[in-house]
N, C-alpha and C. Protein backbone atom coordinates (compact mmCIF):
# COMPACT_ATOMS: atom_id res chain seq x y z
N MET A 1 -28.57 -24.11 -16.13
CA MET A 1 -28.11 -23.76 -14.80
C MET A 1 -29.14 -24.20 -13.76
N ALA A 2 -28.65 -24.76 -12.67
CA ALA A 2 -29.52 -25.20 -11.58
C ALA A 2 -29.26 -24.34 -10.34
N ARG A 3 -30.31 -24.16 -9.56
CA ARG A 3 -30.15 -23.58 -8.22
C ARG A 3 -29.97 -24.75 -7.29
N ILE A 4 -28.83 -24.81 -6.62
CA ILE A 4 -28.48 -25.96 -5.80
C ILE A 4 -28.27 -25.53 -4.36
N LEU A 5 -28.91 -26.27 -3.46
CA LEU A 5 -28.63 -26.10 -2.04
C LEU A 5 -27.73 -27.26 -1.64
N LEU A 6 -26.54 -26.92 -1.14
CA LEU A 6 -25.54 -27.90 -0.75
C LEU A 6 -25.44 -27.94 0.77
N ALA A 7 -25.59 -29.15 1.34
CA ALA A 7 -25.43 -29.34 2.78
C ALA A 7 -24.31 -30.35 2.99
N GLU A 8 -23.20 -29.88 3.55
CA GLU A 8 -22.02 -30.71 3.79
C GLU A 8 -21.32 -30.17 5.01
N ASP A 9 -21.10 -31.02 6.02
CA ASP A 9 -20.51 -30.53 7.27
C ASP A 9 -18.99 -30.36 7.21
N ASP A 10 -18.33 -30.96 6.26
CA ASP A 10 -16.88 -30.81 6.13
C ASP A 10 -16.61 -29.51 5.35
N ASP A 11 -16.01 -28.53 6.04
CA ASP A 11 -15.82 -27.20 5.46
C ASP A 11 -15.06 -27.23 4.14
N SER A 12 -13.93 -27.93 4.10
CA SER A 12 -13.14 -27.93 2.88
C SER A 12 -13.87 -28.64 1.74
N MET A 13 -14.55 -29.73 2.03
CA MET A 13 -15.32 -30.44 1.01
C MET A 13 -16.46 -29.56 0.50
N ARG A 14 -17.13 -28.86 1.41
CA ARG A 14 -18.25 -27.98 1.02
C ARG A 14 -17.75 -26.88 0.09
N ARG A 15 -16.64 -26.24 0.43
CA ARG A 15 -16.09 -25.18 -0.42
C ARG A 15 -15.68 -25.73 -1.79
N PHE A 16 -15.05 -26.89 -1.79
CA PHE A 16 -14.57 -27.54 -3.01
C PHE A 16 -15.74 -27.87 -3.94
N LEU A 17 -16.80 -28.48 -3.40
CA LEU A 17 -17.96 -28.85 -4.20
C LEU A 17 -18.69 -27.61 -4.72
N ALA A 18 -18.87 -26.62 -3.85
CA ALA A 18 -19.56 -25.40 -4.26
C ALA A 18 -18.81 -24.72 -5.39
N LYS A 19 -17.51 -24.62 -5.27
CA LYS A 19 -16.69 -23.97 -6.30
C LYS A 19 -16.80 -24.71 -7.63
N ALA A 20 -16.73 -26.04 -7.59
CA ALA A 20 -16.82 -26.84 -8.81
C ALA A 20 -18.17 -26.65 -9.50
N LEU A 21 -19.23 -26.64 -8.72
CA LEU A 21 -20.58 -26.47 -9.29
C LEU A 21 -20.77 -25.05 -9.82
N GLN A 22 -20.23 -24.07 -9.11
CA GLN A 22 -20.31 -22.69 -9.60
C GLN A 22 -19.52 -22.53 -10.89
N ASN A 23 -18.36 -23.16 -10.96
CA ASN A 23 -17.55 -23.09 -12.18
C ASN A 23 -18.27 -23.73 -13.37
N ALA A 24 -19.16 -24.67 -13.08
CA ALA A 24 -19.95 -25.32 -14.14
C ALA A 24 -21.20 -24.50 -14.49
N GLY A 25 -21.36 -23.34 -13.83
CA GLY A 25 -22.45 -22.44 -14.18
C GLY A 25 -23.68 -22.51 -13.28
N HIS A 26 -23.59 -23.25 -12.18
CA HIS A 26 -24.74 -23.38 -11.29
C HIS A 26 -24.71 -22.34 -10.17
N ASP A 27 -25.89 -22.02 -9.69
CA ASP A 27 -26.06 -21.11 -8.55
C ASP A 27 -26.11 -21.99 -7.30
N VAL A 28 -25.14 -21.84 -6.41
CA VAL A 28 -25.01 -22.73 -5.25
C VAL A 28 -25.05 -21.93 -3.96
N GLU A 29 -25.89 -22.38 -3.04
CA GLU A 29 -25.86 -21.88 -1.67
C GLU A 29 -25.50 -23.06 -0.79
N SER A 30 -24.52 -22.87 0.09
CA SER A 30 -24.04 -24.01 0.87
C SER A 30 -24.15 -23.75 2.36
N PHE A 31 -24.38 -24.86 3.08
CA PHE A 31 -24.56 -24.82 4.52
C PHE A 31 -23.81 -25.98 5.16
N GLY A 32 -23.35 -25.75 6.38
CA GLY A 32 -22.56 -26.74 7.09
C GLY A 32 -23.36 -27.71 7.92
N ASN A 33 -24.68 -27.54 7.95
CA ASN A 33 -25.51 -28.49 8.71
C ASN A 33 -26.93 -28.52 8.15
N GLY A 34 -27.63 -29.57 8.51
CA GLY A 34 -28.97 -29.78 8.00
C GLY A 34 -29.99 -28.76 8.49
N HIS A 35 -29.83 -28.30 9.73
CA HIS A 35 -30.80 -27.34 10.26
C HIS A 35 -30.78 -26.03 9.47
N ASP A 36 -29.59 -25.50 9.22
CA ASP A 36 -29.49 -24.25 8.46
C ASP A 36 -29.98 -24.43 7.03
N ALA A 37 -29.65 -25.58 6.43
CA ALA A 37 -30.10 -25.86 5.08
C ALA A 37 -31.62 -25.95 5.03
N HIS A 38 -32.21 -26.62 6.02
CA HIS A 38 -33.67 -26.75 6.07
C HIS A 38 -34.34 -25.38 6.22
N SER A 39 -33.77 -24.53 7.05
CA SER A 39 -34.32 -23.19 7.22
C SER A 39 -34.32 -22.43 5.90
N LYS A 40 -33.25 -22.57 5.13
CA LYS A 40 -33.17 -21.90 3.83
C LYS A 40 -34.21 -22.47 2.86
N LEU A 41 -34.41 -23.78 2.91
CA LEU A 41 -35.40 -24.42 2.03
C LEU A 41 -36.82 -23.92 2.32
N LYS A 42 -37.08 -23.52 3.56
CA LYS A 42 -38.41 -23.00 3.92
C LYS A 42 -38.67 -21.65 3.25
N ASP A 43 -37.58 -20.90 3.00
CA ASP A 43 -37.70 -19.53 2.53
C ASP A 43 -37.37 -19.32 1.06
N ASP A 44 -36.87 -20.34 0.39
CA ASP A 44 -36.38 -20.14 -0.97
C ASP A 44 -36.66 -21.38 -1.81
N ILE A 45 -36.54 -21.25 -3.11
CA ILE A 45 -36.80 -22.36 -4.03
C ILE A 45 -35.50 -22.78 -4.69
N PHE A 46 -35.27 -24.08 -4.71
CA PHE A 46 -34.08 -24.66 -5.33
C PHE A 46 -34.52 -25.77 -6.28
N ASP A 47 -33.62 -26.07 -7.22
CA ASP A 47 -33.86 -27.18 -8.14
C ASP A 47 -33.38 -28.50 -7.56
N ILE A 48 -32.23 -28.43 -6.87
CA ILE A 48 -31.58 -29.64 -6.36
C ILE A 48 -31.11 -29.43 -4.93
N LEU A 49 -31.34 -30.45 -4.11
CA LEU A 49 -30.72 -30.53 -2.79
C LEU A 49 -29.60 -31.55 -2.91
N LEU A 50 -28.38 -31.11 -2.66
CA LEU A 50 -27.20 -31.97 -2.69
C LEU A 50 -26.71 -32.05 -1.26
N THR A 51 -26.83 -33.23 -0.64
CA THR A 51 -26.53 -33.33 0.77
C THR A 51 -25.71 -34.56 1.12
N ASP A 52 -24.79 -34.34 2.05
CA ASP A 52 -24.07 -35.46 2.65
C ASP A 52 -25.08 -36.20 3.52
N ILE A 53 -24.88 -37.48 3.73
CA ILE A 53 -25.79 -38.23 4.59
C ILE A 53 -25.39 -38.08 6.05
N VAL A 54 -24.13 -38.28 6.34
CA VAL A 54 -23.67 -38.28 7.73
C VAL A 54 -23.26 -36.87 8.13
N MET A 55 -24.14 -36.23 8.92
CA MET A 55 -23.88 -34.90 9.47
C MET A 55 -24.42 -34.88 10.89
N PRO A 56 -23.81 -34.07 11.76
CA PRO A 56 -24.34 -33.97 13.12
C PRO A 56 -25.68 -33.25 13.15
N GLU A 57 -26.40 -33.43 14.22
CA GLU A 57 -27.70 -32.81 14.47
C GLU A 57 -28.78 -33.35 13.54
N MET A 58 -28.88 -32.85 12.32
CA MET A 58 -29.85 -33.37 11.36
C MET A 58 -29.06 -33.99 10.20
N ASP A 59 -29.20 -35.30 10.04
CA ASP A 59 -28.46 -35.95 8.96
C ASP A 59 -29.11 -35.67 7.61
N GLY A 60 -28.43 -36.05 6.54
CA GLY A 60 -28.90 -35.77 5.20
C GLY A 60 -30.20 -36.45 4.84
N ILE A 61 -30.43 -37.63 5.40
CA ILE A 61 -31.68 -38.34 5.10
C ILE A 61 -32.87 -37.60 5.70
N GLU A 62 -32.73 -37.16 6.93
CA GLU A 62 -33.80 -36.38 7.56
C GLU A 62 -34.01 -35.06 6.82
N LEU A 63 -32.91 -34.42 6.45
CA LEU A 63 -33.01 -33.18 5.68
C LEU A 63 -33.75 -33.43 4.38
N ALA A 64 -33.42 -34.50 3.69
CA ALA A 64 -34.07 -34.82 2.42
C ALA A 64 -35.57 -35.09 2.60
N ARG A 65 -35.91 -35.81 3.67
CA ARG A 65 -37.34 -36.06 3.94
C ARG A 65 -38.10 -34.76 4.14
N ARG A 66 -37.54 -33.91 4.97
CA ARG A 66 -38.20 -32.63 5.25
C ARG A 66 -38.25 -31.74 4.01
N ALA A 67 -37.19 -31.77 3.23
CA ALA A 67 -37.14 -30.97 2.00
C ALA A 67 -38.21 -31.45 1.02
N ALA A 68 -38.37 -32.76 0.89
CA ALA A 68 -39.38 -33.32 -0.01
C ALA A 68 -40.79 -32.96 0.43
N GLU A 69 -41.00 -32.81 1.73
CA GLU A 69 -42.31 -32.38 2.23
C GLU A 69 -42.57 -30.92 1.84
N LEU A 70 -41.52 -30.09 1.92
CA LEU A 70 -41.67 -28.68 1.56
C LEU A 70 -41.87 -28.49 0.06
N ASP A 71 -41.16 -29.28 -0.74
CA ASP A 71 -41.21 -29.14 -2.20
C ASP A 71 -41.07 -30.52 -2.85
N PRO A 72 -42.20 -31.15 -3.17
CA PRO A 72 -42.15 -32.49 -3.77
C PRO A 72 -41.45 -32.54 -5.12
N THR A 73 -41.26 -31.39 -5.78
CA THR A 73 -40.57 -31.38 -7.08
C THR A 73 -39.05 -31.24 -6.94
N LEU A 74 -38.57 -30.99 -5.74
CA LEU A 74 -37.13 -30.83 -5.50
C LEU A 74 -36.40 -32.13 -5.82
N LYS A 75 -35.34 -32.03 -6.60
CA LYS A 75 -34.52 -33.20 -6.91
C LYS A 75 -33.47 -33.34 -5.83
N ILE A 76 -33.25 -34.58 -5.41
CA ILE A 76 -32.37 -34.83 -4.27
C ILE A 76 -31.24 -35.77 -4.67
N MET A 77 -30.02 -35.37 -4.27
CA MET A 77 -28.86 -36.22 -4.48
C MET A 77 -28.05 -36.27 -3.19
N PHE A 78 -27.74 -37.51 -2.79
CA PHE A 78 -26.88 -37.71 -1.63
C PHE A 78 -25.44 -37.88 -2.10
N ILE A 79 -24.52 -37.25 -1.39
CA ILE A 79 -23.10 -37.50 -1.60
C ILE A 79 -22.59 -38.11 -0.31
N THR A 80 -22.04 -39.30 -0.42
CA THR A 80 -21.69 -39.99 0.81
C THR A 80 -20.68 -41.09 0.62
N GLY A 81 -20.00 -41.41 1.68
CA GLY A 81 -19.14 -42.59 1.72
C GLY A 81 -19.90 -43.78 2.25
N PHE A 82 -21.18 -43.59 2.54
CA PHE A 82 -22.01 -44.63 3.13
C PHE A 82 -23.22 -44.91 2.25
N ALA A 83 -22.98 -45.25 1.00
CA ALA A 83 -24.07 -45.43 0.03
C ALA A 83 -25.07 -46.49 0.46
N ALA A 84 -24.62 -47.53 1.14
CA ALA A 84 -25.54 -48.59 1.55
C ALA A 84 -26.63 -48.07 2.46
N VAL A 85 -26.32 -47.06 3.26
CA VAL A 85 -27.32 -46.47 4.15
C VAL A 85 -28.43 -45.83 3.34
N ALA A 86 -28.07 -45.06 2.32
CA ALA A 86 -29.06 -44.36 1.51
C ALA A 86 -29.88 -45.33 0.69
N LEU A 87 -29.28 -46.44 0.30
CA LEU A 87 -29.97 -47.38 -0.56
C LEU A 87 -30.83 -48.36 0.22
N ASN A 88 -30.71 -48.39 1.52
CA ASN A 88 -31.48 -49.29 2.36
C ASN A 88 -32.93 -48.82 2.40
N PRO A 89 -33.89 -49.68 1.99
CA PRO A 89 -35.30 -49.26 1.95
C PRO A 89 -35.84 -48.85 3.31
N GLU A 90 -35.24 -49.32 4.38
CA GLU A 90 -35.73 -48.98 5.72
C GLU A 90 -35.44 -47.54 6.09
N THR A 91 -34.54 -46.88 5.38
CA THR A 91 -34.22 -45.49 5.72
C THR A 91 -35.26 -44.51 5.20
N GLU A 92 -36.17 -44.98 4.35
CA GLU A 92 -37.25 -44.14 3.82
C GLU A 92 -36.73 -42.86 3.18
N THR A 93 -35.75 -43.00 2.31
CA THR A 93 -35.27 -41.83 1.58
C THR A 93 -36.33 -41.41 0.57
N PRO A 94 -36.37 -40.14 0.23
CA PRO A 94 -37.35 -39.69 -0.75
C PRO A 94 -37.21 -40.44 -2.07
N LYS A 95 -38.33 -40.69 -2.70
CA LYS A 95 -38.34 -41.46 -3.94
C LYS A 95 -37.54 -40.70 -5.01
N ASP A 96 -36.87 -41.45 -5.83
CA ASP A 96 -36.06 -40.94 -6.93
C ASP A 96 -34.79 -40.20 -6.49
N ALA A 97 -34.44 -40.27 -5.22
CA ALA A 97 -33.19 -39.65 -4.77
C ALA A 97 -32.01 -40.41 -5.38
N LYS A 98 -31.00 -39.67 -5.78
CA LYS A 98 -29.79 -40.25 -6.37
C LYS A 98 -28.70 -40.29 -5.31
N VAL A 99 -27.75 -41.21 -5.51
CA VAL A 99 -26.62 -41.33 -4.59
C VAL A 99 -25.33 -41.28 -5.39
N LEU A 100 -24.43 -40.41 -4.97
CA LEU A 100 -23.10 -40.35 -5.55
C LEU A 100 -22.12 -40.70 -4.42
N SER A 101 -21.43 -41.82 -4.59
CA SER A 101 -20.56 -42.33 -3.53
C SER A 101 -19.19 -41.66 -3.57
N LYS A 102 -18.71 -41.26 -2.39
CA LYS A 102 -17.36 -40.74 -2.27
C LYS A 102 -16.38 -41.92 -2.28
N PRO A 103 -15.21 -41.77 -2.82
CA PRO A 103 -14.74 -40.57 -3.52
C PRO A 103 -15.28 -40.54 -4.94
N PHE A 104 -15.45 -39.35 -5.46
CA PHE A 104 -15.90 -39.19 -6.84
C PHE A 104 -15.12 -38.05 -7.46
N HIS A 105 -15.08 -38.04 -8.77
CA HIS A 105 -14.41 -36.96 -9.49
C HIS A 105 -15.42 -35.82 -9.67
N LEU A 106 -14.94 -34.60 -9.66
CA LEU A 106 -15.84 -33.46 -9.79
C LEU A 106 -16.61 -33.49 -11.10
N ARG A 107 -16.02 -34.00 -12.16
CA ARG A 107 -16.75 -34.08 -13.43
C ARG A 107 -17.94 -35.04 -13.31
N ASP A 108 -17.79 -36.08 -12.44
CA ASP A 108 -18.91 -36.99 -12.21
C ASP A 108 -20.05 -36.27 -11.48
N LEU A 109 -19.69 -35.44 -10.52
CA LEU A 109 -20.71 -34.66 -9.80
C LEU A 109 -21.45 -33.74 -10.76
N VAL A 110 -20.71 -33.01 -11.57
CA VAL A 110 -21.33 -32.08 -12.52
C VAL A 110 -22.21 -32.85 -13.51
N ALA A 111 -21.74 -34.00 -13.97
CA ALA A 111 -22.53 -34.81 -14.91
C ALA A 111 -23.82 -35.30 -14.25
N GLU A 112 -23.75 -35.73 -13.00
CA GLU A 112 -24.95 -36.19 -12.29
C GLU A 112 -25.94 -35.05 -12.10
N VAL A 113 -25.45 -33.87 -11.77
CA VAL A 113 -26.33 -32.70 -11.63
C VAL A 113 -27.02 -32.41 -12.96
N GLU A 114 -26.27 -32.49 -14.05
CA GLU A 114 -26.87 -32.23 -15.35
C GLU A 114 -27.90 -33.29 -15.71
N ARG A 115 -27.64 -34.57 -15.35
CA ARG A 115 -28.63 -35.63 -15.59
C ARG A 115 -29.89 -35.39 -14.78
N LEU A 116 -29.73 -34.98 -13.53
CA LEU A 116 -30.90 -34.70 -12.70
C LEU A 116 -31.74 -33.58 -13.30
N MET A 117 -31.08 -32.54 -13.77
CA MET A 117 -31.81 -31.42 -14.34
C MET A 117 -32.52 -31.80 -15.64
N ALA A 118 -31.95 -32.72 -16.39
CA ALA A 118 -32.56 -33.15 -17.65
C ALA A 118 -33.71 -34.12 -17.45
N ALA A 119 -33.76 -34.75 -16.28
CA ALA A 119 -34.80 -35.76 -16.01
C ALA A 119 -36.17 -35.13 -15.82
């Protein structure tokens, strides 16, 4: 089981992802924006940050950078329809961050989370 912080601005997608991960046995806390997620990361410990890249105010890349500064052992996975942005070296994403491109099947998400935890 992993403790996962989920940051996704789309309400229905956030609920859907959180439910799928919880059904797979993970402990999930979810937030609709990067600022709230970052505040939670300051006060609590998680195994994985699962974040959308494109969000208003603080995007997922900035959230991931700040999260990695708070906890260098935190595993980071981006979920996005804009994978090229995350893979671009100029975006300075945290090292070893994974990208899961939308659309994806929920079993793929659960499998990627399990791979991250095993790494």
